[in-house]
Amino acid sequence: MENTGKTVEFVQTYTVEYGLKVVAVIAILVVGHIVAGWLKRLIQGMMERRSVDPSITGFVTSLVYIAMMAFVVLAALGQLGIQTTSLIVLLGAAGLAIGLASGLALQGSLANFAAGFLMIVFRPFKVGDFIEGAGVSGTVEKIEMFTTTLRTGDNKIIIVPNAKLSSDNIVNYSAHETRRVDLTVGAAYDADIVHVKRVLEEILRDDERVLDDPAPLIAVGELAESSVSFVVRAWVKSSDYWGVYFDITEKVKLCFDQEGIGIPHPTRDIHLYEEKPA
């Protein structure tokens, strides 16, 4: 009975002691998570009010949140009586061992972080730009510590590792306010070149989205196999690019039909020869 009493007392003592510590750890994690989120939103709001580039805002707030949560985890472990200094050394040694064992993974994470930092510094693109890189294209939604999030034209989300994106060619379609629409229009050889150019000029002149400066260009680009190819180049605002491209392509067909200008397509003449029996 005496041993049983001691056992119960021992269990009660440690239950109370460690139970309170577990409760404290849970409280630290919950409160720390709330505070980290609040601090992230606070910094984001301050940077937005100062009109800081959204690319920088996303990167900085992500970094602050991760650093804050790391501090919270260390504080929680310290509450359990774990020596955080020794733990940091242990984690460092474990990280080194893991890095030696799986160097590519560690190298990839560091490369992604470094690439994200460089993209923030040199700013080849920013949030809201439409870019093409790493074999994908879309509008930049977020630039974070390790990844960049793109939204495609059909509303899909693509998450691209920063290292992969920065190591490839990046085409930024939104870098400048204006873009040039390039079209090649074919007309029949029996069409009047002057007439064709006048019709094309009218199409561009009637579209208010086509800019006067730089002036549009219409020229004979090639005497092709079955048509005379006209080069049509018009400058527009970047946001109007696809609208103008599709509308002009449609208007060319409609106006050419109305003006009696043929748009040739490849044809073949087949000749059949009958062999007479010998």
C-alpha atoms as a PDB file:
ATOM      1  CA  MET A   1       0.000   0.000   0.000  1.00  0.00           C
ATOM      2  CA  GLU A   2       2.852   2.324   0.828  1.00  0.00           C
ATOM      3  CA  ASN A   3       4.447   1.777  -2.627  1.00  0.00           C
ATOM      4  CA  THR A   4       1.099   2.308  -4.297  1.00  0.00           C
ATOM      5  CA  GLY A   5       0.633   5.589  -2.487  1.00  0.00           C
ATOM      6  CA  LYS A   6       4.062   6.780  -3.534  1.00  0.00           C
ATOM      7  CA  THR A   7       3.345   5.838  -7.139  1.00  0.00           C
ATOM      8  CA  VAL A   8       0.074   7.753  -7.163  1.00  0.00           C
ATOM      9  CA  GLU A   9       1.749  10.738  -5.551  1.00  0.00           C
ATOM     10  CA  PHE A  10       4.565  10.566  -8.123  1.00  0.00           C
ATOM     11  CA  VAL A  11       2.104  10.418 -11.021  1.00  0.00           C
ATOM     12  CA  GLN A  12       0.042  13.270  -9.623  1.00  0.00           C
ATOM     13  CA  THR A  13       3.124  15.423  -9.091  1.00  0.00           C
ATOM     14  CA  TYR A  14       4.474  14.948 -12.602  1.00  0.00           C
ATOM     15  CA  THR A  15       1.010  15.218 -14.155  1.00  0.00           C
ATOM     16  CA  VAL A  16       0.490  18.571 -12.506  1.00  0.00           C
ATOM     17  CA  GLU A  17       3.993  19.778 -13.317  1.00  0.00           C
ATOM     18  CA  TYR A  18       4.193  18.663 -16.947  1.00  0.00           C
ATOM     19  CA  GLY A  19       0.470  19.175 -17.565  1.00  0.00           C
ATOM     20  CA  LEU A  20       0.907  22.852 -16.767  1.00  0.00           C
ATOM     21  CA  LYS A  21       3.950  22.991 -19.035  1.00  0.00           C
ATOM     22  CA  VAL A  22       2.041  21.384 -21.906  1.00  0.00           C
ATOM     23  CA  VAL A  23      -0.779  23.868 -21.432  1.00  0.00           C
ATOM     24  CA  ALA A  24       1.791  26.676 -21.404  1.00  0.00           C
ATOM     25  CA  VAL A  25       3.385  25.345 -24.600  1.00  0.00           C
ATOM     26  CA  ILE A  26       0.013  25.166 -26.352  1.00  0.00           C
ATOM     27  CA  ALA A  27      -0.777  28.691 -25.187  1.00  0.00           C
ATOM     28  CA  ILE A  28       2.583  29.973 -26.462  1.00  0.00           C
ATOM     29  CA  LEU A  29       2.055  28.332 -29.858  1.00  0.00           C
ATOM     30  CA  VAL A  30      -1.507  29.618 -30.235  1.00  0.00           C
ATOM     31  CA  VAL A  31      -0.743  33.146 -29.037  1.00  0.00           C
ATOM     32  CA  GLY A  32       2.496  33.196 -31.023  1.00  0.00           C
ATOM     33  CA  HIS A  33       0.657  32.160 -34.186  1.00  0.00           C
ATOM     34  CA  ILE A  34      -1.916  34.909 -33.641  1.00  0.00           C
ATOM     35  CA  VAL A  35       0.755  37.532 -32.901  1.00  0.00           C
ATOM     36  CA  ALA A  36       2.839  36.462 -35.915  1.00  0.00           C
ATOM     37  CA  GLY A  37      -0.205  36.772 -38.175  1.00  0.00           C
ATOM     38  CA  TRP A  38      -1.070  40.151 -36.655  1.00  0.00           C
ATOM     39  CA  LEU A  39       2.499  41.386 -37.080  1.00  0.00           C
ATOM     40  CA  LYS A  40       2.514  40.169 -40.688  1.00  0.00           C
ATOM     41  CA  ARG A  41      -0.718  42.050 -41.439  1.00  0.00           C
ATOM     42  CA  LEU A  42       0.556  45.142 -39.613  1.00  0.00           C
ATOM     43  CA  ILE A  43       3.769  45.278 -41.657  1.00  0.00           C
ATOM     44  CA  GLN A  44       1.843  44.565 -44.843  1.00  0.00           C
ATOM     45  CA  GLY A  45      -0.568  47.418 -44.089  1.00  0.00           C
ATOM     46  CA  MET A  46       2.265  49.832 -43.311  1.00  0.00           C
ATOM     47  CA  MET A  47       4.090  48.955 -46.526  1.00  0.00           C
ATOM     48  CA  GLU A  48       0.904  49.239 -48.593  1.00  0.00           C
ATOM     49  CA  ARG A  49       0.156  52.675 -47.128  1.00  0.00           C
ATOM     50  CA  ARG A  50       3.644  53.765 -48.130  1.00  0.00           C
ATOM     51  CA  SER A  51       2.999  52.405 -51.649  1.00  0.00           C
ATOM     52  CA  VAL A  52       5.800  49.867 -51.386  1.00  0.00           C
ATOM     53  CA  ASP A  53       5.986  47.513 -54.353  1.00  0.00           C
ATOM     54  CA  PRO A  54       3.726  44.466 -53.704  1.00  0.00           C
ATOM     55  CA  SER A  55       6.622  42.188 -54.697  1.00  0.00           C
ATOM     56  CA  ILE A  56       8.750  43.510 -51.835  1.00  0.00           C
ATOM     57  CA  THR A  57       5.770  43.507 -49.458  1.00  0.00           C
ATOM     58  CA  GLY A  58       5.038  39.830 -50.050  1.00  0.00           C
ATOM     59  CA  PHE A  59       8.664  38.793 -49.656  1.00  0.00           C
ATOM     60  CA  VAL A  60       9.258  40.814 -46.457  1.00  0.00           C
ATOM     61  CA  THR A  61       6.012  39.772 -44.728  1.00  0.00           C
ATOM     62  CA  SER A  62       6.686  36.122 -45.533  1.00  0.00           C
ATOM     63  CA  LEU A  63      10.187  36.419 -44.093  1.00  0.00           C
ATOM     64  CA  VAL A  64       8.931  38.168 -40.931  1.00  0.00           C
ATOM     65  CA  TYR A  65       6.225  35.548 -40.364  1.00  0.00           C
ATOM     66  CA  ILE A  66       8.648  32.625 -40.678  1.00  0.00           C
ATOM     67  CA  ALA A  67      11.182  34.302 -38.365  1.00  0.00           C
ATOM     68  CA  MET A  68       8.466  35.045 -35.804  1.00  0.00           C
ATOM     69  CA  MET A  69       7.171  31.465 -35.842  1.00  0.00           C
ATOM     70  CA  ALA A  70      10.708  30.127 -35.419  1.00  0.00           C
ATOM     71  CA  PHE A  71      11.068  32.307 -32.310  1.00  0.00           C
ATOM     72  CA  VAL A  72       7.702  31.044 -31.001  1.00  0.00           C
ATOM     73  CA  VAL A  73       8.719  27.400 -31.459  1.00  0.00           C
ATOM     74  CA  LEU A  74      11.994  27.987 -29.618  1.00  0.00           C
ATOM     75  CA  ALA A  75      10.118  29.699 -26.787  1.00  0.00           C
ATOM     76  CA  ALA A  76       7.716  26.766 -26.541  1.00  0.00           C
ATOM     77  CA  LEU A  77      10.583  24.269 -26.399  1.00  0.00           C
ATOM     78  CA  GLY A  78      12.251  26.363 -23.715  1.00  0.00           C
ATOM     79  CA  GLN A  79       9.067  26.178 -21.654  1.00  0.00           C
ATOM     80  CA  LEU A  80       9.399  22.394 -21.677  1.00  0.00           C
ATOM     81  CA  GLY A  81      12.860  22.726 -20.169  1.00  0.00           C
ATOM     82  CA  ILE A  82      14.734  21.961 -23.367  1.00  0.00           C
ATOM     83  CA  GLN A  83      17.962  23.924 -23.659  1.00  0.00           C
ATOM     84  CA  THR A  84      17.347  25.881 -26.863  1.00  0.00           C
ATOM     85  CA  THR A  85      21.030  26.744 -27.218  1.00  0.00           C
ATOM     86  CA  SER A  86      21.953  23.102 -27.313  1.00  0.00           C
ATOM     87  CA  LEU A  87      18.970  22.449 -29.564  1.00  0.00           C
ATOM     88  CA  ILE A  88      20.130  25.055 -32.069  1.00  0.00           C
ATOM     89  CA  VAL A  89      23.573  23.463 -32.145  1.00  0.00           C
ATOM     90  CA  LEU A  90      21.962  20.038 -32.526  1.00  0.00           C
ATOM     91  CA  LEU A  91      19.708  21.243 -35.338  1.00  0.00           C
ATOM     92  CA  GLY A  92      22.699  22.834 -37.015  1.00  0.00           C
ATOM     93  CA  ALA A  93      24.627  19.586 -36.857  1.00  0.00           C
ATOM     94  CA  ALA A  94      21.581  17.646 -38.052  1.00  0.00           C
ATOM     95  CA  GLY A  95      21.084  20.137 -40.868  1.00  0.00           C
ATOM     96  CA  LEU A  96      24.702  19.721 -41.888  1.00  0.00           C
ATOM     97  CA  ALA A  97      24.360  15.934 -41.846  1.00  0.00           C
ATOM     98  CA  ILE A  98      21.144  16.087 -43.844  1.00  0.00           C
ATOM     99  CA  GLY A  99      22.751  18.545 -46.215  1.00  0.00           C
ATOM    100  CA  LEU A 100      25.690  16.214 -46.782  1.00  0.00           C
ATOM    101  CA  ALA A 101      23.333  13.290 -47.276  1.00  0.00           C
ATOM    102  CA  SER A 102      20.891  15.139 -49.516  1.00  0.00           C
ATOM    103  CA  GLY A 103      22.861  18.088 -50.786  1.00  0.00           C
ATOM    104  CA  LEU A 104      20.666  18.667 -53.777  1.00  0.00           C
ATOM    105  CA  ALA A 105      17.575  19.328 -51.658  1.00  0.00           C
ATOM    106  CA  LEU A 106      19.396  21.732 -49.333  1.00  0.00           C
ATOM    107  CA  GLN A 107      21.111  23.384 -52.246  1.00  0.00           C
ATOM    108  CA  GLY A 108      17.741  23.775 -53.963  1.00  0.00           C
ATOM    109  CA  SER A 109      16.198  25.497 -50.947  1.00  0.00           C
ATOM    110  CA  LEU A 110      19.114  27.878 -50.579  1.00  0.00           C
ATOM    111  CA  ALA A 111      19.097  28.528 -54.319  1.00  0.00           C
ATOM    112  CA  ASN A 112      15.368  29.318 -54.238  1.00  0.00           C
ATOM    113  CA  PHE A 113      15.838  31.740 -51.346  1.00  0.00           C
ATOM    114  CA  ALA A 114      18.809  33.439 -53.025  1.00  0.00           C
ATOM    115  CA  ALA A 115      16.940  33.659 -56.319  1.00  0.00           C
ATOM    116  CA  GLY A 116      13.912  35.196 -54.592  1.00  0.00           C
ATOM    117  CA  PHE A 117      16.130  37.758 -52.874  1.00  0.00           C
ATOM    118  CA  LEU A 118      17.832  38.666 -56.162  1.00  0.00           C
ATOM    119  CA  MET A 119      14.495  39.014 -57.937  1.00  0.00           C
ATOM    120  CA  ILE A 120      13.356  41.436 -55.250  1.00  0.00           C
ATOM    121  CA  VAL A 121      16.579  43.451 -55.580  1.00  0.00           C
ATOM    122  CA  PHE A 122      16.875  43.568 -59.374  1.00  0.00           C
ATOM    123  CA  ARG A 123      13.111  43.377 -60.055  1.00  0.00           C
ATOM    124  CA  PRO A 124      12.897  41.734 -63.494  1.00  0.00           C
ATOM    125  CA  PHE A 125       9.145  41.704 -62.824  1.00  0.00           C
ATOM    126  CA  LYS A 126       6.683  42.722 -60.129  1.00  0.00           C
ATOM    127  CA  VAL A 127       3.300  41.644 -58.846  1.00  0.00           C
ATOM    128  CA  GLY A 128       0.704  42.216 -61.563  1.00  0.00           C
ATOM    129  CA  ASP A 129       3.072  41.722 -64.506  1.00  0.00           C
ATOM    130  CA  PHE A 130       2.353  39.103 -67.145  1.00  0.00           C
ATOM    131  CA  ILE A 131       5.512  37.064 -67.652  1.00  0.00           C
ATOM    132  CA  GLU A 132       6.769  33.949 -69.368  1.00  0.00           C
ATOM    133  CA  GLY A 133       9.508  31.822 -67.855  1.00  0.00           C
ATOM    134  CA  ALA A 134      10.441  28.295 -66.774  1.00  0.00           C
ATOM    135  CA  GLY A 135       8.145  26.950 -69.477  1.00  0.00           C
ATOM    136  CA  VAL A 136       4.991  28.628 -68.112  1.00  0.00           C
ATOM    137  CA  SER A 137       3.285  32.005 -68.401  1.00  0.00           C
ATOM    138  CA  GLY A 138       0.843  33.994 -66.303  1.00  0.00           C
ATOM    139  CA  THR A 139       0.234  37.061 -64.162  1.00  0.00           C
ATOM    140  CA  VAL A 140       2.453  37.342 -61.087  1.00  0.00           C
ATOM    141  CA  GLU A 141       0.328  36.945 -57.953  1.00  0.00           C
ATOM    142  CA  LYS A 142       2.978  36.625 -55.216  1.00  0.00           C
ATOM    143  CA  ILE A 143       6.756  36.592 -54.872  1.00  0.00           C
ATOM    144  CA  GLU A 144       7.679  34.698 -51.710  1.00  0.00           C
ATOM    145  CA  MET A 145      10.889  33.427 -50.124  1.00  0.00           C
ATOM    146  CA  PHE A 146      11.130  30.217 -52.130  1.00  0.00           C
ATOM    147  CA  THR A 147       8.451  30.374 -54.816  1.00  0.00           C
ATOM    148  CA  THR A 148       6.639  32.711 -57.180  1.00  0.00           C
ATOM    149  CA  THR A 149       2.908  32.248 -57.806  1.00  0.00           C
ATOM    150  CA  LEU A 150       1.478  32.850 -61.294  1.00  0.00           C
ATOM    151  CA  ARG A 151      -2.148  32.974 -62.381  1.00  0.00           C
ATOM    152  CA  THR A 152      -2.812  31.804 -65.929  1.00  0.00           C
ATOM    153  CA  GLY A 153      -5.308  33.307 -68.351  1.00  0.00           C
ATOM    154  CA  ASP A 154      -7.784  30.501 -67.619  1.00  0.00           C
ATOM    155  CA  ASN A 155      -7.478  31.177 -63.871  1.00  0.00           C
ATOM    156  CA  LYS A 156      -5.138  28.358 -62.869  1.00  0.00           C
ATOM    157  CA  ILE A 157      -2.435  28.843 -60.236  1.00  0.00           C
ATOM    158  CA  ILE A 158       1.148  27.856 -61.015  1.00  0.00           C
ATOM    159  CA  ILE A 159       3.734  27.825 -58.211  1.00  0.00           C
ATOM    160  CA  VAL A 160       7.250  28.077 -59.656  1.00  0.00           C
ATOM    161  CA  PRO A 161      10.478  27.625 -57.616  1.00  0.00           C
ATOM    162  CA  ASN A 162      12.400  30.897 -57.674  1.00  0.00           C
ATOM    163  CA  ALA A 163      15.640  29.222 -58.732  1.00  0.00           C
ATOM    164  CA  LYS A 164      14.002  27.606 -61.735  1.00  0.00           C
ATOM    165  CA  LEU A 165      12.379  30.867 -62.751  1.00  0.00           C
ATOM    166  CA  SER A 166      15.518  32.981 -62.400  1.00  0.00           C
ATOM    167  CA  SER A 167      17.730  30.466 -64.225  1.00  0.00           C
ATOM    168  CA  ASP A 168      15.569  30.602 -67.355  1.00  0.00           C
ATOM    169  CA  ASN A 169      14.822  33.365 -69.838  1.00  0.00           C
ATOM    170  CA  ILE A 170      12.130  35.679 -68.453  1.00  0.00           C
ATOM    171  CA  VAL A 171       9.847  37.493 -70.888  1.00  0.00           C
ATOM    172  CA  ASN A 172       8.011  40.365 -69.209  1.00  0.00           C
ATOM    173  CA  TYR A 173       5.084  41.427 -71.369  1.00  0.00           C
ATOM    174  CA  SER A 174       4.100  44.189 -68.934  1.00  0.00           C
ATOM    175  CA  ALA A 175       7.498  45.859 -68.577  1.00  0.00           C
ATOM    176  CA  HIS A 176       6.505  48.769 -70.840  1.00  0.00           C
ATOM    177  CA  GLU A 177       3.243  50.608 -71.258  1.00  0.00           C
ATOM    178  CA  THR A 178       3.050  49.912 -74.995  1.00  0.00           C
ATOM    179  CA  ARG A 179       3.478  46.869 -77.230  1.00  0.00           C
ATOM    180  CA  ARG A 180       3.531  46.334 -80.983  1.00  0.00           C
ATOM    181  CA  VAL A 181       0.921  44.181 -82.673  1.00  0.00           C
ATOM    182  CA  ASP A 182       2.481  42.325 -85.627  1.00  0.00           C
ATOM    183  CA  LEU A 183       0.261  40.810 -88.312  1.00  0.00           C
ATOM    184  CA  THR A 184       0.973  39.247 -91.673  1.00  0.00           C
ATOM    185  CA  VAL A 185      -1.879  39.601 -94.180  1.00  0.00           C
ATOM    186  CA  GLY A 186      -1.937  37.777 -97.498  1.00  0.00           C
ATOM    187  CA  ALA A 187      -3.637  39.191-100.621  1.00  0.00           C
ATOM    188  CA  ALA A 188      -4.093  37.669-104.053  1.00  0.00           C
ATOM    189  CA  TYR A 189      -1.576  38.513-106.761  1.00  0.00           C
ATOM    190  CA  ASP A 190      -4.268  40.110-108.919  1.00  0.00           C
ATOM    191  CA  ALA A 191      -5.183  42.571-106.121  1.00  0.00           C
ATOM    192  CA  ASP A 192      -4.182  46.227-106.399  1.00  0.00           C
ATOM    193  CA  ILE A 193      -1.357  46.802-103.879  1.00  0.00           C
ATOM    194  CA  VAL A 194      -2.305  50.464-103.387  1.00  0.00           C
ATOM    195  CA  HIS A 195      -5.915  49.463-102.758  1.00  0.00           C
ATOM    196  CA  VAL A 196      -4.913  46.811-100.224  1.00  0.00           C
ATOM    197  CA  LYS A 197      -2.676  49.213 -98.309  1.00  0.00           C
ATOM    198  CA  ARG A 198      -5.423  51.851 -98.233  1.00  0.00           C
ATOM    199  CA  VAL A 199      -7.921  49.350 -96.793  1.00  0.00           C
ATOM    200  CA  LEU A 200      -5.423  48.279 -94.121  1.00  0.00           C
ATOM    201  CA  GLU A 201      -4.704  51.907 -93.232  1.00  0.00           C
ATOM    202  CA  GLU A 202      -8.425  52.564 -92.788  1.00  0.00           C
ATOM    203  CA  ILE A 203      -8.779  49.543 -90.514  1.00  0.00           C
ATOM    204  CA  LEU A 204      -6.002  50.819 -88.244  1.00  0.00           C
ATOM    205  CA  ARG A 205      -7.228  54.411 -88.366  1.00  0.00           C
ATOM    206  CA  ASP A 206     -10.751  53.410 -87.330  1.00  0.00           C
ATOM    207  CA  ASP A 207      -9.491  51.616 -84.211  1.00  0.00           C
ATOM    208  CA  GLU A 208      -9.044  54.196 -81.444  1.00  0.00           C
ATOM    209  CA  ARG A 209      -6.780  51.846 -79.498  1.00  0.00           C
ATOM    210  CA  VAL A 210      -4.074  52.044 -82.169  1.00  0.00           C
ATOM    211  CA  LEU A 211      -1.578  54.744 -81.212  1.00  0.00           C
ATOM    212  CA  ASP A 212      -0.475  57.488 -83.603  1.00  0.00           C
ATOM    213  CA  ASP A 213       3.020  57.619 -82.117  1.00  0.00           C
ATOM    214  CA  PRO A 214       4.849  55.488 -83.079  1.00  0.00           C
ATOM    215  CA  ALA A 215       3.001  55.507 -86.375  1.00  0.00           C
ATOM    216  CA  PRO A 216       1.641  52.219 -87.753  1.00  0.00           C
ATOM    217  CA  LEU A 217       3.585  50.491 -90.520  1.00  0.00           C
ATOM    218  CA  ILE A 218       2.056  48.758 -93.558  1.00  0.00           C
ATOM    219  CA  ALA A 219       4.424  47.358 -96.162  1.00  0.00           C
ATOM    220  CA  VAL A 220       4.849  44.533 -98.643  1.00  0.00           C
ATOM    221  CA  GLY A 221       6.859  41.981 -96.722  1.00  0.00           C
ATOM    222  CA  GLU A 222       7.119  39.087 -99.140  1.00  0.00           C
ATOM    223  CA  LEU A 223       6.098  37.867-102.569  1.00  0.00           C
ATOM    224  CA  ALA A 224       5.091  34.446-101.358  1.00  0.00           C
ATOM    225  CA  GLU A 225       4.257  31.338-103.355  1.00  0.00           C
ATOM    226  CA  SER A 226       0.552  32.048-103.638  1.00  0.00           C
ATOM    227  CA  SER A 227       0.056  35.530-102.193  1.00  0.00           C
ATOM    228  CA  VAL A 228       1.496  38.971-101.637  1.00  0.00           C
ATOM    229  CA  SER A 229       2.226  39.185 -97.908  1.00  0.00           C
ATOM    230  CA  PHE A 230       1.689  42.548 -96.201  1.00  0.00           C
ATOM    231  CA  VAL A 231       3.346  43.349 -92.880  1.00  0.00           C
ATOM    232  CA  VAL A 232       1.040  45.243 -90.513  1.00  0.00           C
ATOM    233  CA  ARG A 233       2.575  46.708 -87.352  1.00  0.00           C
ATOM    234  CA  ALA A 234       0.612  48.852 -84.921  1.00  0.00           C
ATOM    235  CA  TRP A 235       1.507  50.149 -81.458  1.00  0.00           C
ATOM    236  CA  VAL A 236      -1.049  49.841 -78.667  1.00  0.00           C
ATOM    237  CA  LYS A 237      -1.210  49.937 -74.890  1.00  0.00           C
ATOM    238  CA  SER A 238      -0.050  46.668 -73.386  1.00  0.00           C
ATOM    239  CA  SER A 239      -3.486  46.074 -71.854  1.00  0.00           C
ATOM    240  CA  ASP A 240      -5.113  46.409 -75.316  1.00  0.00           C
ATOM    241  CA  TYR A 241      -2.775  44.012 -77.125  1.00  0.00           C
ATOM    242  CA  TRP A 242      -4.953  40.924 -77.499  1.00  0.00           C
ATOM    243  CA  GLY A 243      -8.150  42.874 -78.043  1.00  0.00           C
ATOM    244  CA  VAL A 244      -6.596  44.791 -80.929  1.00  0.00           C
ATOM    245  CA  TYR A 245      -4.938  41.666 -82.330  1.00  0.00           C
ATOM    246  CA  PHE A 246      -8.177  39.700 -82.550  1.00  0.00           C
ATOM    247  CA  ASP A 247     -10.327  42.625 -83.704  1.00  0.00           C
ATOM    248  CA  ILE A 248      -7.997  43.676 -86.514  1.00  0.00           C
ATOM    249  CA  THR A 249      -7.672  40.080 -87.720  1.00  0.00           C
ATOM    250  CA  GLU A 250     -11.461  39.863 -87.971  1.00  0.00           C
ATOM    251  CA  LYS A 251     -11.828  43.271 -89.610  1.00  0.00           C
ATOM    252  CA  VAL A 252      -9.241  42.398 -92.256  1.00  0.00           C
ATOM    253  CA  LYS A 253     -11.353  39.442 -93.390  1.00  0.00           C
ATOM    254  CA  LEU A 254     -14.591  41.438 -93.352  1.00  0.00           C
ATOM    255  CA  CYS A 255     -13.150  44.444 -95.172  1.00  0.00           C
ATOM    256  CA  PHE A 256     -11.303  42.348 -97.745  1.00  0.00           C
ATOM    257  CA  ASP A 257     -14.534  40.518 -98.551  1.00  0.00           C
ATOM    258  CA  GLN A 258     -16.389  43.833 -98.839  1.00  0.00           C
ATOM    259  CA  GLU A 259     -13.707  45.355-101.085  1.00  0.00           C
ATOM    260  CA  GLY A 260     -13.391  42.276-103.255  1.00  0.00           C
ATOM    261  CA  ILE A 261      -9.792  41.556-102.225  1.00  0.00           C
ATOM    262  CA  GLY A 262      -9.015  37.886-102.383  1.00  0.00           C
ATOM    263  CA  ILE A 263      -7.216  36.101 -99.561  1.00  0.00           C
ATOM    264  CA  PRO A 264      -5.616  33.128-101.309  1.00  0.00           C
ATOM    265  CA  HIS A 265      -5.032  29.744 -99.777  1.00  0.00           C
ATOM    266  CA  PRO A 266      -2.698  27.047-101.063  1.00  0.00           C
ATOM    267  CA  THR A 267      -4.138  25.118-103.993  1.00  0.00           C
ATOM    268  CA  ARG A 268      -2.911  22.250-106.101  1.00  0.00           C
ATOM    269  CA  ASP A 269      -3.658  21.367-109.693  1.00  0.00           C
ATOM    270  CA  ILE A 270      -3.841  17.634-110.303  1.00  0.00           C
ATOM    271  CA  HIS A 271      -3.415  16.422-113.881  1.00  0.00           C
ATOM    272  CA  LEU A 272      -4.469  12.898-114.792  1.00  0.00           C
ATOM    273  CA  TYR A 273      -2.901  11.233-117.801  1.00  0.00           C
ATOM    274  CA  GLU A 274      -4.427   8.157-119.365  1.00  0.00           C
ATOM    275  CA  GLU A 275      -1.955   5.676-120.708  1.00  0.00           C
ATOM    276  CA  LYS A 276      -3.058   3.960-123.894  1.00  0.00           C
ATOM    277  CA  PRO A 277      -2.363   0.263-124.054  1.00  0.00           C
ATOM    278  CA  ALA A 278       0.432  -0.667-126.426  1.00  0.00           C
END
